[in-house]
């Protein structure tokens, strides 16, 4: 299955608890951390909820 790399570009400080939990679910939590996850609709939906905090990198 295809994978995508996502990078955290925004801080979780002063963000709602639900956004912090989404970051943790993606394997992020600290600034500039990069993780490689499987490209599923669930992951794409999580990324869509945090466009100000995560970026898809090539």
Protein backbone atom coordinates (compact mmCIF):
# COMPACT_ATOMS: atom_id res chain seq x y z
CA UNK A 1 0.00 0.00 0.00
CA UNK A 2 1.17 3.55 -0.70
CA UNK A 3 2.65 5.69 2.06
CA UNK A 4 2.90 9.43 2.58
CA UNK A 5 5.24 11.54 4.67
CA UNK A 6 3.73 14.19 6.89
CA UNK A 7 5.55 16.88 8.83
CA UNK A 8 4.29 18.86 11.78
CA UNK A 9 4.62 22.57 11.03
CA UNK A 10 2.42 24.03 13.78
CA UNK A 11 2.56 23.94 17.54
CA UNK A 12 -0.15 22.16 19.56
CA UNK A 13 0.10 24.82 22.26
CA UNK A 14 -3.23 26.63 22.80
CA UNK A 15 -5.07 24.25 20.48
CA UNK A 16 -8.22 22.28 21.32
CA UNK A 17 -7.69 18.89 22.92
CA UNK A 18 -9.24 17.15 19.91
CA UNK A 19 -6.55 18.58 17.62
CA UNK A 20 -3.81 17.43 19.98
CA UNK A 21 -5.26 13.91 19.97
CA UNK A 22 -5.34 13.86 16.17
CA UNK A 23 -1.63 14.80 16.11
CA UNK A 24 -0.78 12.01 18.54
CA UNK A 25 -2.83 9.58 16.46
CA UNK A 26 -0.77 10.51 13.41
CA UNK A 27 2.44 9.86 15.36
CA UNK A 28 3.35 13.52 15.72
CA UNK A 29 3.44 15.82 18.74
CA UNK A 30 6.68 17.80 18.47
CA UNK A 31 7.55 20.49 15.98
CA UNK A 32 9.28 19.49 12.72
CA UNK A 33 8.81 15.77 13.31
CA UNK A 34 8.33 13.74 10.13
CA UNK A 35 6.50 10.41 10.01
CA UNK A 36 5.64 8.04 7.20
CA UNK A 37 2.12 6.63 7.36
CA UNK A 38 -0.04 4.56 5.05
CA UNK A 39 -2.17 6.56 2.65
CA UNK A 40 -5.70 5.73 3.80
CA UNK A 41 -8.90 7.78 3.78
CA UNK A 42 -8.71 7.98 7.58
CA UNK A 43 -5.24 9.52 7.51
CA UNK A 44 -6.25 11.90 4.72
CA UNK A 45 -9.24 12.99 6.81
CA UNK A 46 -7.03 13.63 9.84
CA UNK A 47 -4.67 15.71 7.70
CA UNK A 48 -7.63 17.68 6.32
CA UNK A 49 -8.67 18.60 9.87
CA UNK A 50 -5.23 20.04 10.64
CA UNK A 51 -4.10 21.92 7.52
CA UNK A 52 -2.58 24.64 9.72
CA UNK A 53 -0.46 22.16 11.69
CA UNK A 54 0.68 19.44 9.28
CA UNK A 55 2.02 19.32 5.73
CA UNK A 56 2.39 16.47 3.27
CA UNK A 57 5.96 16.36 1.97
CA UNK A 58 7.41 14.50 -0.97
